[in-house]
């Protein structure tokens, strides 16, 4: 699992989403060095 700051996500969201869709990697978003959210590929979520 990779971690990125909010500013990194804001500046490169399209590239991050493209990478996640190919690698199926979960990204943790950090605010002031603390985890606040995850970006998870749909393949990793449960079907409804």
PDB file of N, CA and C in Angstrom:
ATOM      1  N   UNK A   1       0.852  -1.168   0.000  1.00  0.00           N
ATOM      2  CA  UNK A   1       0.000   0.000   0.000  1.00  0.00           C
ATOM      3  C   UNK A   1       0.902   1.236   0.000  1.00  0.00           C
ATOM      4  N   UNK A   2       0.544   2.171  -0.840  1.00  0.00           N
ATOM      5  CA  UNK A   2       1.305   3.400  -0.996  1.00  0.00           C
ATOM      6  C   UNK A   2       0.591   4.552  -0.307  1.00  0.00           C
ATOM      7  N   UNK A   3       1.332   5.540   0.169  1.00  0.00           N
ATOM      8  CA  UNK A   3       0.749   6.711   0.821  1.00  0.00           C
ATOM      9  C   UNK A   3       1.143   7.969   0.068  1.00  0.00           C
ATOM     10  N   UNK A   4       0.172   8.885  -0.073  1.00  0.00           N
ATOM     11  CA  UNK A   4       0.406  10.158  -0.743  1.00  0.00           C
ATOM     12  C   UNK A   4      -0.245  11.275   0.059  1.00  0.00           C
ATOM     13  N   UNK A   5       0.348  12.453  -0.013  1.00  0.00           N
ATOM     14  CA  UNK A   5      -0.246  13.616   0.649  1.00  0.00           C
ATOM     15  C   UNK A   5      -1.425  14.136  -0.178  1.00  0.00           C
ATOM     16  N   UNK A   6      -2.255  14.948   0.457  1.00  0.00           N
ATOM     17  CA  UNK A   6      -3.394  15.539  -0.247  1.00  0.00           C
ATOM     18  C   UNK A   6      -2.913  16.342  -1.450  1.00  0.00           C
ATOM     19  N   UNK A   7      -1.843  17.107  -1.305  1.00  0.00           N
ATOM     20  CA  UNK A   7      -1.366  17.931  -2.417  1.00  0.00           C
ATOM     21  C   UNK A   7      -0.873  17.068  -3.574  1.00  0.00           C
ATOM     22  N   UNK A   8      -0.233  15.942  -3.283  1.00  0.00           N
ATOM     23  CA  UNK A   8       0.197  15.031  -4.349  1.00  0.00           C
ATOM     24  C   UNK A   8      -1.005  14.469  -5.098  1.00  0.00           C
ATOM     25  N   UNK A   9      -2.041  14.101  -4.363  1.00  0.00           N
ATOM     26  CA  UNK A   9      -3.254  13.567  -4.987  1.00  0.00           C
ATOM     27  C   UNK A   9      -3.928  14.646  -5.828  1.00  0.00           C
ATOM     28  N   UNK A  10      -4.042  15.832  -5.296  1.00  0.00           N
ATOM     29  CA  UNK A  10      -4.684  16.950  -6.005  1.00  0.00           C
ATOM     30  C   UNK A  10      -3.954  17.248  -7.318  1.00  0.00           C
ATOM     31  N   UNK A  11      -2.634  17.196  -7.292  1.00  0.00           N
ATOM     32  CA  UNK A  11      -1.842  17.555  -8.472  1.00  0.00           C
ATOM     33  C   UNK A  11      -1.782  16.466  -9.531  1.00  0.00           C
ATOM     34  N   UNK A  12      -2.067  15.231  -9.178  1.00  0.00           N
ATOM     35  CA  UNK A  12      -1.901  14.153 -10.162  1.00  0.00           C
ATOM     36  C   UNK A  12      -2.982  13.079 -10.075  1.00  0.00           C
ATOM     37  N   UNK A  13      -4.203  13.471  -9.747  1.00  0.00           N
ATOM     38  CA  UNK A  13      -5.279  12.486  -9.581  1.00  0.00           C
ATOM     39  C   UNK A  13      -5.512  11.630 -10.828  1.00  0.00           C
ATOM     40  N   UNK A  14      -5.586  12.187 -12.034  1.00  0.00           N
ATOM     41  CA  UNK A  14      -5.819  11.321 -13.203  1.00  0.00           C
ATOM     42  C   UNK A  14      -4.754  10.229 -13.364  1.00  0.00           C
ATOM     43  N   UNK A  15      -3.485  10.588 -13.162  1.00  0.00           N
ATOM     44  CA  UNK A  15      -2.414   9.597 -13.273  1.00  0.00           C
ATOM     45  C   UNK A  15      -2.501   8.549 -12.166  1.00  0.00           C
ATOM     46  N   UNK A  16      -2.853   8.981 -10.966  1.00  0.00           N
ATOM     47  CA  UNK A  16      -2.994   8.052  -9.843  1.00  0.00           C
ATOM     48  C   UNK A  16      -4.106   7.045 -10.127  1.00  0.00           C
ATOM     49  N   UNK A  17      -5.254   7.532 -10.598  1.00  0.00           N
ATOM     50  CA  UNK A  17      -6.373   6.639 -10.889  1.00  0.00           C
ATOM     51  C   UNK A  17      -6.028   5.652 -11.993  1.00  0.00           C
ATOM     52  N   UNK A  18      -5.302   6.111 -13.006  1.00  0.00           N
ATOM     53  CA  UNK A  18      -4.880   5.214 -14.091  1.00  0.00           C
ATOM     54  C   UNK A  18      -3.974   4.112 -13.551  1.00  0.00           C
ATOM     55  N   UNK A  19      -3.027   4.493 -12.688  1.00  0.00           N
ATOM     56  CA  UNK A  19      -2.109   3.512 -12.108  1.00  0.00           C
ATOM     57  C   UNK A  19      -2.859   2.509 -11.231  1.00  0.00           C
ATOM     58  N   UNK A  20      -3.801   3.006 -10.414  1.00  0.00           N
ATOM     59  CA  UNK A  20      -4.573   2.126  -9.535  1.00  0.00           C
ATOM     60  C   UNK A  20      -5.381   1.119 -10.341  1.00  0.00           C
ATOM     61  N   UNK A  21      -5.970   1.575 -11.445  1.00  0.00           N
ATOM     62  CA  UNK A  21      -6.800   0.675 -12.250  1.00  0.00           C
ATOM     63  C   UNK A  21      -5.965  -0.440 -12.879  1.00  0.00           C
ATOM     64  N   UNK A  22      -4.690  -0.162 -13.151  1.00  0.00           N
ATOM     65  CA  UNK A  22      -3.821  -1.186 -13.745  1.00  0.00           C
ATOM     66  C   UNK A  22      -3.162  -2.072 -12.695  1.00  0.00           C
ATOM     67  N   UNK A  23      -2.745  -1.477 -11.576  1.00  0.00           N
ATOM     68  CA  UNK A  23      -1.973  -2.231 -10.587  1.00  0.00           C
ATOM     69  C   UNK A  23      -2.823  -2.826  -9.469  1.00  0.00           C
ATOM     70  N   UNK A  24      -4.088  -2.368  -9.359  1.00  0.00           N
ATOM     71  CA  UNK A  24      -5.000  -2.823  -8.299  1.00  0.00           C
ATOM     72  C   UNK A  24      -4.431  -2.525  -6.905  1.00  0.00           C
ATOM     73  N   UNK A  25      -3.689  -1.426  -6.824  1.00  0.00           N
ATOM     74  CA  UNK A  25      -3.038  -1.006  -5.584  1.00  0.00           C
ATOM     75  C   UNK A  25      -3.946  -0.036  -4.824  1.00  0.00           C
ATOM     76  N   UNK A  26      -3.966  -0.147  -3.514  1.00  0.00           N
ATOM     77  CA  UNK A  26      -4.699   0.787  -2.666  1.00  0.00           C
ATOM     78  C   UNK A  26      -3.765   1.936  -2.280  1.00  0.00           C
ATOM     79  N   UNK A  27      -4.279   3.159  -2.345  1.00  0.00           N
ATOM     80  CA  UNK A  27      -3.515   4.349  -1.988  1.00  0.00           C
ATOM     81  C   UNK A  27      -4.117   4.959  -0.729  1.00  0.00           C
ATOM     82  N   UNK A  28      -3.275   5.276   0.243  1.00  0.00           N
ATOM     83  CA  UNK A  28      -3.712   5.971   1.449  1.00  0.00           C
ATOM     84  C   UNK A  28      -3.388   7.450   1.295  1.00  0.00           C
ATOM     85  N   UNK A  29      -4.384   8.302   1.574  1.00  0.00           N
ATOM     86  CA  UNK A  29      -4.194   9.748   1.507  1.00  0.00           C
ATOM     87  C   UNK A  29      -3.879  10.254   2.906  1.00  0.00           C
ATOM     88  N   UNK A  30      -2.823  11.067   2.982  1.00  0.00           N
ATOM     89  CA  UNK A  30      -2.360  11.590   4.261  1.00  0.00           C
ATOM     90  C   UNK A  30      -2.634  13.086   4.376  1.00  0.00           C
ATOM     91  N   UNK A  31      -3.027  13.514   5.566  1.00  0.00           N
ATOM     92  CA  UNK A  31      -3.135  14.944   5.902  1.00  0.00           C
ATOM     93  C   UNK A  31      -2.237  15.159   7.113  1.00  0.00           C
ATOM     94  N   UNK A  32      -1.265  16.037   6.950  1.00  0.00           N
ATOM     95  CA  UNK A  32      -0.283  16.296   8.009  1.00  0.00           C
ATOM     96  C   UNK A  32       0.368  15.000   8.505  1.00  0.00           C
ATOM     97  N   UNK A  33       0.609  14.084   7.548  1.00  0.00           N
ATOM     98  CA  UNK A  33       1.291  12.838   7.864  1.00  0.00           C
ATOM     99  C   UNK A  33       0.434  11.749   8.472  1.00  0.00           C
ATOM    100  N   UNK A  34      -0.874  12.001   8.627  1.00  0.00           N
ATOM    101  CA  UNK A  34      -1.772  11.010   9.225  1.00  0.00           C
ATOM    102  C   UNK A  34      -2.782  10.533   8.187  1.00  0.00           C
ATOM    103  N   UNK A  35      -3.056   9.233   8.143  1.00  0.00           N
ATOM    104  CA  UNK A  35      -4.009   8.696   7.162  1.00  0.00           C
ATOM    105  C   UNK A  35      -5.428   9.229   7.395  1.00  0.00           C
ATOM    106  N   UNK A  36      -6.071   9.655   6.299  1.00  0.00           N
ATOM    107  CA  UNK A  36      -7.451  10.141   6.407  1.00  0.00           C
ATOM    108  C   UNK A  36      -8.402   9.409   5.463  1.00  0.00           C
ATOM    109  N   UNK A  37      -7.871   8.767   4.412  1.00  0.00           N
ATOM    110  CA  UNK A  37      -8.743   8.091   3.452  1.00  0.00           C
ATOM    111  C   UNK A  37      -7.924   7.124   2.616  1.00  0.00           C
ATOM    112  N   UNK A  38      -8.636   6.193   1.970  1.00  0.00           N
ATOM    113  CA  UNK A  38      -8.025   5.268   1.023  1.00  0.00           C
ATOM    114  C   UNK A  38      -8.714   5.393  -0.323  1.00  0.00           C
ATOM    115  N   UNK A  39      -7.928   5.241  -1.380  1.00  0.00           N
ATOM    116  CA  UNK A  39      -8.479   5.080  -2.721  1.00  0.00           C
ATOM    117  C   UNK A  39      -8.286   3.609  -3.048  1.00  0.00           C
ATOM    118  N   UNK A  40      -9.396   2.917  -3.277  1.00  0.00           N
ATOM    119  CA  UNK A  40      -9.381   1.467  -3.465  1.00  0.00           C
ATOM    120  C   UNK A  40      -9.955   1.133  -4.836  1.00  0.00           C
ATOM    121  N   UNK A  41      -9.280   0.292  -5.628  1.00  0.00           N
ATOM    122  CA  UNK A  41      -9.841  -0.114  -6.913  1.00  0.00           C
ATOM    123  C   UNK A  41     -11.161  -0.856  -6.718  1.00  0.00           C
ATOM    124  N   UNK A  42     -12.080  -0.716  -7.644  1.00  0.00           N
ATOM    125  CA  UNK A  42     -13.381  -1.372  -7.522  1.00  0.00           C
ATOM    126  C   UNK A  42     -13.266  -2.879  -7.397  1.00  0.00           C
ATOM    127  N   UNK A  43     -12.250  -3.463  -7.975  1.00  0.00           N
ATOM    128  CA  UNK A  43     -12.077  -4.920  -7.894  1.00  0.00           C
ATOM    129  C   UNK A  43     -11.862  -5.373  -6.449  1.00  0.00           C
ATOM    130  N   UNK A  44     -11.423  -4.456  -5.572  1.00  0.00           N
ATOM    131  CA  UNK A  44     -11.160  -4.801  -4.178  1.00  0.00           C
ATOM    132  C   UNK A  44     -12.352  -4.578  -3.259  1.00  0.00           C
ATOM    133  N   UNK A  45     -13.454  -4.073  -3.788  1.00  0.00           N
ATOM    134  CA  UNK A  45     -14.623  -3.830  -2.974  1.00  0.00           C
ATOM    135  C   UNK A  45     -15.631  -4.959  -3.159  1.00  0.00           C
ATOM    136  N   UNK A  46     -16.503  -5.111  -2.202  1.00  0.00           N
ATOM    137  CA  UNK A  46     -17.516  -6.151  -2.291  1.00  0.00           C
ATOM    138  C   UNK A  46     -18.624  -5.743  -3.238  1.00  0.00           C
ATOM    139  N   UNK A  47     -19.154  -6.688  -3.986  1.00  0.00           N
ATOM    140  CA  UNK A  47     -20.275  -6.420  -4.881  1.00  0.00           C
ATOM    141  C   UNK A  47     -21.546  -6.270  -4.072  1.00  0.00           C
ATOM    142  N   UNK A  48     -22.397  -5.354  -4.539  1.00  0.00           N
ATOM    143  CA  UNK A  48     -23.661  -5.155  -3.834  1.00  0.00           C
ATOM    144  C   UNK A  48     -24.754  -5.973  -4.457  1.00  0.00           C
TER     145      UNK A  48
END
